[in-house]
Amino acid sequence: MTKALRWRIVALQVVLVLVLGFCAGFLYWGSGFVNGMVHDQLVAQKIYFPAKGSAALDPKEFPDLQQYAGQQVDNGDKAKAYADGFIGRHLEAVAGGKTYSQVSAASQANPQDQKLAAQANTLFKGETLRGLLLYAWGWSQVGLYAFYAAIGLTIATLVSFFALVFELLVAWRPATVRRVATLPA
């Protein structure tokens, strides 16, 4: 291998290390930004799970939410639990499991029915809040995947860096030629 070709390979390895390192750093930053934004926006809403032992968080009806009792919704996992486990179950009881679109259509067909109008109003607000909380959970998942990708790129950066060090320190050593002496027969 010629000396010029070796320098080209080293230059490519340096570029690879720099690009991988930059991408890993950007993904760490992006993960932190997304999770920080989700946290800050959820905390600003001041949504709390009902206190442990309260009628609103009956252990028989909400066994999966007991671990969050009294806590503030401040991350994606809690947002999903509150959206699906708490709001979702309450919405199912509003109109016998019907969705907002079903109840709204029935309410529009019968505008004099105040019960349908109230159910449509409740379902609209509940499904909107539930959807917004699920968006927060979704973005927290994006942040989590960005973090995992950053770890993978960090490992790739280290492997590339050590390959570069190996190339510079070991592979460029001049080869020693050994002669095998032949013994007379």
Protein backbone atom coordinates (compact mmCIF):
# COMPACT_ATOMS: atom_id res chain seq x y z
CA MET A 1 0.00 0.00 0.00
CA THR A 2 1.42 3.34 -0.97
CA LYS A 3 1.99 6.13 1.50
CA ALA A 4 -0.51 8.41 -0.29
CA LEU A 5 -3.23 5.78 -0.09
CA ARG A 6 -2.58 5.30 3.61
CA TRP A 7 -2.95 9.05 4.22
CA ARG A 8 -6.23 9.04 2.33
CA ILE A 9 -7.51 6.21 4.50
CA VAL A 10 -6.45 8.07 7.65
CA ALA A 11 -8.15 11.24 6.41
CA LEU A 12 -11.38 9.30 5.78
CA GLN A 13 -11.17 7.77 9.23
CA VAL A 14 -10.71 11.21 10.81
CA VAL A 15 -13.75 12.52 8.91
CA LEU A 16 -15.76 9.46 9.96
CA VAL A 17 -14.85 9.96 13.63
CA LEU A 18 -15.78 13.66 13.46
CA VAL A 19 -19.09 13.07 11.68
CA LEU A 20 -20.14 10.22 13.97
CA GLY A 21 -19.12 12.21 17.04
CA PHE A 22 -21.07 15.27 15.87
CA CYS A 23 -24.18 13.18 15.13
CA ALA A 24 -23.97 11.47 18.52
CA GLY A 25 -23.64 14.82 20.27
CA PHE A 26 -26.55 16.25 18.30
CA LEU A 27 -28.76 13.29 19.24
CA TYR A 28 -27.83 13.62 22.93
CA TRP A 29 -28.77 17.29 22.73
CA GLY A 30 -32.00 16.52 20.83
CA SER A 31 -33.00 13.89 23.35
CA GLY A 32 -32.44 16.27 26.22
CA PHE A 33 -34.29 19.07 24.44
CA VAL A 34 -37.35 16.92 23.70
CA ASN A 35 -37.54 15.45 27.20
CA GLY A 36 -37.00 18.87 28.77
CA MET A 37 -39.72 20.41 26.63
CA VAL A 38 -42.18 17.59 27.40
CA HIS A 39 -41.42 17.93 31.12
CA ASP A 40 -41.75 21.72 31.18
CA GLN A 41 -45.01 21.76 29.24
CA LEU A 42 -46.57 19.02 31.36
CA VAL A 43 -45.51 20.62 34.64
CA ALA A 44 -47.02 23.94 33.49
CA GLN A 45 -50.41 22.23 33.12
CA LYS A 46 -50.44 21.21 36.82
CA ILE A 47 -52.18 17.88 36.23
CA TYR A 48 -52.08 15.52 39.21
CA PHE A 49 -53.23 11.98 39.72
CA PRO A 50 -55.81 11.77 42.52
CA ALA A 51 -54.43 11.01 45.98
CA LYS A 52 -54.05 7.44 47.13
CA GLY A 53 -57.18 6.19 48.83
CA SER A 54 -59.44 8.78 47.22
CA ALA A 55 -62.70 7.72 45.59
CA ALA A 56 -61.44 9.12 42.27
CA LEU A 57 -58.61 6.57 42.22
CA ASP A 58 -60.39 3.47 43.47
CA PRO A 59 -57.87 0.60 43.60
CA LYS A 60 -60.46 -1.81 42.18
CA GLU A 61 -61.13 0.36 39.13
CA PHE A 62 -57.59 1.72 38.67
CA PRO A 63 -55.14 -0.92 39.95
CA ASP A 64 -52.53 0.08 37.37
CA LEU A 65 -52.54 3.74 38.43
CA GLN A 66 -51.95 3.26 42.16
CA GLN A 67 -48.20 3.69 41.63
CA TYR A 68 -48.84 7.27 40.45
CA ALA A 69 -51.29 8.30 43.20
CA GLY A 70 -50.87 11.96 44.16
CA GLN A 71 -48.03 12.53 41.68
CA GLN A 72 -47.86 15.28 39.11
CA VAL A 73 -47.95 14.35 35.43
CA ASP A 74 -44.43 15.46 34.48
CA ASN A 75 -43.12 12.94 31.94
CA GLY A 76 -44.30 10.97 28.94
CA ASP A 77 -44.98 7.72 30.80
CA LYS A 78 -47.18 9.45 33.36
CA ALA A 79 -48.95 11.36 30.56
CA LYS A 80 -49.79 8.08 28.81
CA ALA A 81 -50.98 6.48 32.05
CA TYR A 82 -53.18 9.48 32.84
CA ALA A 83 -54.51 9.69 29.28
CA ASP A 84 -55.33 6.02 28.78
CA GLY A 85 -55.77 4.79 32.33
CA PHE A 86 -57.60 7.70 33.91
CA ILE A 87 -59.22 9.90 31.26
CA GLY A 88 -59.87 7.03 28.86
CA ARG A 89 -61.76 4.98 31.43
CA HIS A 90 -63.82 7.98 32.49
CA LEU A 91 -64.71 8.76 28.88
CA GLU A 92 -65.96 5.21 28.33
CA ALA A 93 -68.52 5.80 31.09
CA VAL A 94 -69.83 9.10 29.67
CA ALA A 95 -71.91 7.69 26.81
CA GLY A 96 -71.65 3.94 27.14
CA GLY A 97 -68.35 3.68 25.29
CA LYS A 98 -69.35 5.84 22.33
CA THR A 99 -66.81 8.28 20.95
CA TYR A 100 -67.16 12.02 20.55
CA SER A 101 -67.87 11.72 16.83
CA GLN A 102 -70.70 9.24 17.44
CA VAL A 103 -72.31 11.30 20.21
CA SER A 104 -71.79 14.56 18.33
CA ALA A 105 -73.55 13.16 15.25
CA ALA A 106 -76.45 12.00 17.41
CA SER A 107 -76.56 15.38 19.14
CA GLN A 108 -76.64 17.24 15.83
CA ALA A 109 -79.45 14.98 14.62
CA ASN A 110 -81.41 15.78 17.79
CA PRO A 111 -80.48 19.35 18.88
CA GLN A 112 -83.18 19.45 21.57
CA ASP A 113 -81.58 16.62 23.60
CA GLN A 114 -79.57 18.41 26.32
CA LYS A 115 -78.15 15.13 27.65
CA LEU A 116 -76.55 14.33 24.27
CA ALA A 117 -75.23 17.89 24.01
CA ALA A 118 -73.65 17.63 27.47
CA GLN A 119 -72.14 14.23 26.63
CA ALA A 120 -70.72 15.59 23.36
CA ASN A 121 -69.21 18.55 25.21
CA THR A 122 -67.65 16.31 27.88
CA LEU A 123 -66.32 13.83 25.31
CA PHE A 124 -64.86 16.63 23.17
CA LYS A 125 -62.94 18.13 26.09
CA GLY A 126 -61.85 14.75 27.46
CA GLU A 127 -60.71 13.34 24.13
CA THR A 128 -58.85 16.56 23.35
CA LEU A 129 -56.95 16.47 26.65
CA ARG A 130 -56.33 12.76 26.23
CA GLY A 131 -54.95 13.34 22.73
CA LEU A 132 -52.66 16.15 23.88
CA LEU A 133 -51.28 13.99 26.67
CA LEU A 134 -50.66 11.18 24.20
CA TYR A 135 -48.77 13.65 21.97
CA ALA A 136 -46.54 14.42 24.95
CA TRP A 137 -45.98 10.69 25.44
CA GLY A 138 -45.21 10.27 21.73
CA TRP A 139 -42.60 13.03 21.80
CA SER A 140 -41.06 11.53 24.91
CA GLN A 141 -40.66 8.30 22.92
CA VAL A 142 -38.92 10.25 20.14
CA GLY A 143 -36.55 11.62 22.78
CA LEU A 144 -35.93 8.13 24.12
CA TYR A 145 -35.16 6.74 20.65
CA ALA A 146 -32.84 9.68 19.97
CA PHE A 147 -31.01 8.84 23.20
CA TYR A 148 -30.62 5.19 22.17
CA ALA A 149 -29.38 6.26 18.73
CA ALA A 150 -26.89 8.60 20.41
CA ILE A 151 -25.53 5.71 22.46
CA GLY A 152 -25.16 3.61 19.30
CA LEU A 153 -23.37 6.42 17.50
CA THR A 154 -21.10 6.97 20.49
CA ILE A 155 -20.08 3.32 20.32
CA ALA A 156 -19.52 3.61 16.56
CA THR A 157 -17.46 6.76 17.12
CA LEU A 158 -15.26 4.99 19.69
CA VAL A 159 -14.76 1.97 17.43
CA SER A 160 -13.80 4.27 14.55
CA PHE A 161 -11.49 6.27 16.79
CA PHE A 162 -9.69 3.16 18.03
CA ALA A 163 -9.39 1.89 14.45
CA LEU A 164 -7.77 5.23 13.55
CA VAL A 165 -5.36 4.96 16.49
CA PHE A 166 -4.54 1.40 15.48
CA GLU A 167 -3.92 2.57 11.92
CA LEU A 168 -1.60 5.35 13.05
CA LEU A 169 0.34 3.46 15.73
CA VAL A 170 0.41 -0.15 14.65
CA ALA A 171 -0.35 -0.57 10.98
CA TRP A 172 2.26 1.94 9.83
CA ARG A 173 5.15 0.22 11.49
CA PRO A 174 7.68 -0.81 8.96
CA ALA A 175 7.53 -4.47 8.29
CA THR A 176 10.56 -6.36 9.44
CA VAL A 177 11.83 -8.94 7.05
CA ARG A 178 13.27 -12.01 8.57
CA ARG A 179 15.44 -14.33 6.66
CA VAL A 180 15.22 -17.93 7.38
CA ALA A 181 18.63 -19.40 7.42
CA THR A 182 18.95 -22.67 5.72
CA LEU A 183 21.12 -25.22 7.33
CA PRO A 184 23.45 -27.22 5.18
CA ALA A 185 22.33 -30.73 4.70
